[in-house]
Amino acid sequence: MTHHYLLPDVLIALGKKLRILRHLKDDKLDTVAAATKISKSTLSKIENGTYSSLCIEMLIALANYYNTHPALLLTFEQ
């Protein structure tokens, strides 16, 4: 079966996953921003699925912060 992913769907799924991970750690955006060097505003947009300029460096910083592999942040059920 072939899957066709659209950028908005991927961004929304990623954002939801990141917000869940942040809430599980009971962290605020400020804490994540300071640790990842990603601005609070950008993190908010990423979590809301509205930041389409996400680069691999940001993805790696977030994966490192949440102690997971970057590929797992982009793995989700359709």
C-alpha atoms as a PDB file:
ATOM      1  CA  MET A   1       0.000   0.000   0.000  1.00  0.00           C
ATOM      2  CA  THR A   2       1.337   3.413  -0.958  1.00  0.00           C
ATOM      3  CA  HIS A   3       1.040   6.271   1.499  1.00  0.00           C
ATOM      4  CA  HIS A   4       0.832   9.857   0.348  1.00  0.00           C
ATOM      5  CA  TYR A   5       1.682  12.320   3.071  1.00  0.00           C
ATOM      6  CA  LEU A   6       0.887  15.987   2.801  1.00  0.00           C
ATOM      7  CA  LEU A   7       3.101  18.522   4.527  1.00  0.00           C
ATOM      8  CA  PRO A   8       0.308  20.044   6.658  1.00  0.00           C
ATOM      9  CA  ASP A   9      -0.668  16.596   7.946  1.00  0.00           C
ATOM     10  CA  VAL A  10       2.932  15.734   8.842  1.00  0.00           C
ATOM     11  CA  LEU A  11       3.460  19.078  10.582  1.00  0.00           C
ATOM     12  CA  ILE A  12       0.260  18.692  12.612  1.00  0.00           C
ATOM     13  CA  ALA A  13       1.138  15.126  13.640  1.00  0.00           C
ATOM     14  CA  LEU A  14       4.673  16.159  14.603  1.00  0.00           C
ATOM     15  CA  GLY A  15       3.382  19.119  16.581  1.00  0.00           C
ATOM     16  CA  LYS A  16       0.900  16.981  18.489  1.00  0.00           C
ATOM     17  CA  LYS A  17       3.612  14.463  19.324  1.00  0.00           C
ATOM     18  CA  LEU A  18       5.981  17.183  20.549  1.00  0.00           C
ATOM     19  CA  ARG A  19       3.285  18.780  22.698  1.00  0.00           C
ATOM     20  CA  ILE A  20       2.481  15.404  24.276  1.00  0.00           C
ATOM     21  CA  LEU A  21       6.157  14.788  24.997  1.00  0.00           C
ATOM     22  CA  ARG A  22       6.512  18.242  26.555  1.00  0.00           C
ATOM     23  CA  HIS A  23       3.450  17.732  28.728  1.00  0.00           C
ATOM     24  CA  LEU A  24       4.693  14.301  29.833  1.00  0.00           C
ATOM     25  CA  LYS A  25       7.872  15.992  31.064  1.00  0.00           C
ATOM     26  CA  ASP A  26       5.726  18.725  32.623  1.00  0.00           C
ATOM     27  CA  ASP A  27       7.861  21.320  30.852  1.00  0.00           C
ATOM     28  CA  LYS A  28       7.012  24.826  29.696  1.00  0.00           C
ATOM     29  CA  LEU A  29       7.888  26.164  26.248  1.00  0.00           C
ATOM     30  CA  ASP A  30      10.482  28.412  27.902  1.00  0.00           C
ATOM     31  CA  THR A  31      12.335  25.366  29.257  1.00  0.00           C
ATOM     32  CA  VAL A  32      12.385  23.600  25.895  1.00  0.00           C
ATOM     33  CA  ALA A  33      13.398  26.818  24.123  1.00  0.00           C
ATOM     34  CA  ALA A  34      16.359  27.368  26.427  1.00  0.00           C
ATOM     35  CA  ALA A  35      17.536  23.763  26.095  1.00  0.00           C
ATOM     36  CA  THR A  36      17.144  23.480  22.313  1.00  0.00           C
ATOM     37  CA  LYS A  37      18.045  27.059  21.308  1.00  0.00           C
ATOM     38  CA  ILE A  38      14.749  27.236  19.398  1.00  0.00           C
ATOM     39  CA  SER A  39      12.685  30.316  20.209  1.00  0.00           C
ATOM     40  CA  LYS A  40       9.518  29.961  22.235  1.00  0.00           C
ATOM     41  CA  SER A  41       7.545  31.469  19.345  1.00  0.00           C
ATOM     42  CA  THR A  42       8.950  28.937  16.883  1.00  0.00           C
ATOM     43  CA  LEU A  43       8.299  26.042  19.268  1.00  0.00           C
ATOM     44  CA  SER A  44       4.715  27.184  19.645  1.00  0.00           C
ATOM     45  CA  LYS A  45       4.285  27.261  15.866  1.00  0.00           C
ATOM     46  CA  ILE A  46       5.877  23.813  15.546  1.00  0.00           C
ATOM     47  CA  GLU A  47       3.516  22.382  18.183  1.00  0.00           C
ATOM     48  CA  ASN A  48       0.559  24.006  16.412  1.00  0.00           C
ATOM     49  CA  GLY A  49       1.611  22.514  13.066  1.00  0.00           C
ATOM     50  CA  THR A  50       2.015  25.926  11.440  1.00  0.00           C
ATOM     51  CA  TYR A  51       5.807  26.129  11.132  1.00  0.00           C
ATOM     52  CA  SER A  52       6.756  24.833   7.688  1.00  0.00           C
ATOM     53  CA  SER A  53      10.444  25.833   7.823  1.00  0.00           C
ATOM     54  CA  LEU A  54      11.457  23.095  10.256  1.00  0.00           C
ATOM     55  CA  CYS A  55      15.036  22.101   9.512  1.00  0.00           C
ATOM     56  CA  ILE A  56      16.874  18.910  10.385  1.00  0.00           C
ATOM     57  CA  GLU A  57      18.919  20.733  13.033  1.00  0.00           C
ATOM     58  CA  MET A  58      15.722  21.660  14.883  1.00  0.00           C
ATOM     59  CA  LEU A  59      14.390  18.133  14.594  1.00  0.00           C
ATOM     60  CA  ILE A  60      17.640  16.738  16.008  1.00  0.00           C
ATOM     61  CA  ALA A  61      17.671  19.283  18.847  1.00  0.00           C
ATOM     62  CA  LEU A  62      14.112  18.313  19.775  1.00  0.00           C
ATOM     63  CA  ALA A  63      14.860  14.595  19.510  1.00  0.00           C
ATOM     64  CA  ASN A  64      17.896  15.020  21.749  1.00  0.00           C
ATOM     65  CA  TYR A  65      15.875  17.013  24.266  1.00  0.00           C
ATOM     66  CA  TYR A  66      13.183  14.335  24.412  1.00  0.00           C
ATOM     67  CA  ASN A  67      15.793  11.546  24.364  1.00  0.00           C
ATOM     68  CA  THR A  68      14.456   9.897  21.248  1.00  0.00           C
ATOM     69  CA  HIS A  69      15.518   9.279  17.667  1.00  0.00           C
ATOM     70  CA  PRO A  70      14.556  11.981  15.130  1.00  0.00           C
ATOM     71  CA  ALA A  71      12.853   9.369  12.938  1.00  0.00           C
ATOM     72  CA  LEU A  72      10.512   8.465  15.798  1.00  0.00           C
ATOM     73  CA  LEU A  73       9.269  12.036  15.932  1.00  0.00           C
ATOM     74  CA  LEU A  74       8.195  11.644  12.312  1.00  0.00           C
ATOM     75  CA  THR A  75       6.624   8.214  12.780  1.00  0.00           C
ATOM     76  CA  PHE A  76       2.877   8.241  13.151  1.00  0.00           C
ATOM     77  CA  GLU A  77      -0.139   6.234  12.159  1.00  0.00           C
ATOM     78  CA  GLN A  78      -2.184   7.334   9.236  1.00  0.00           C
END
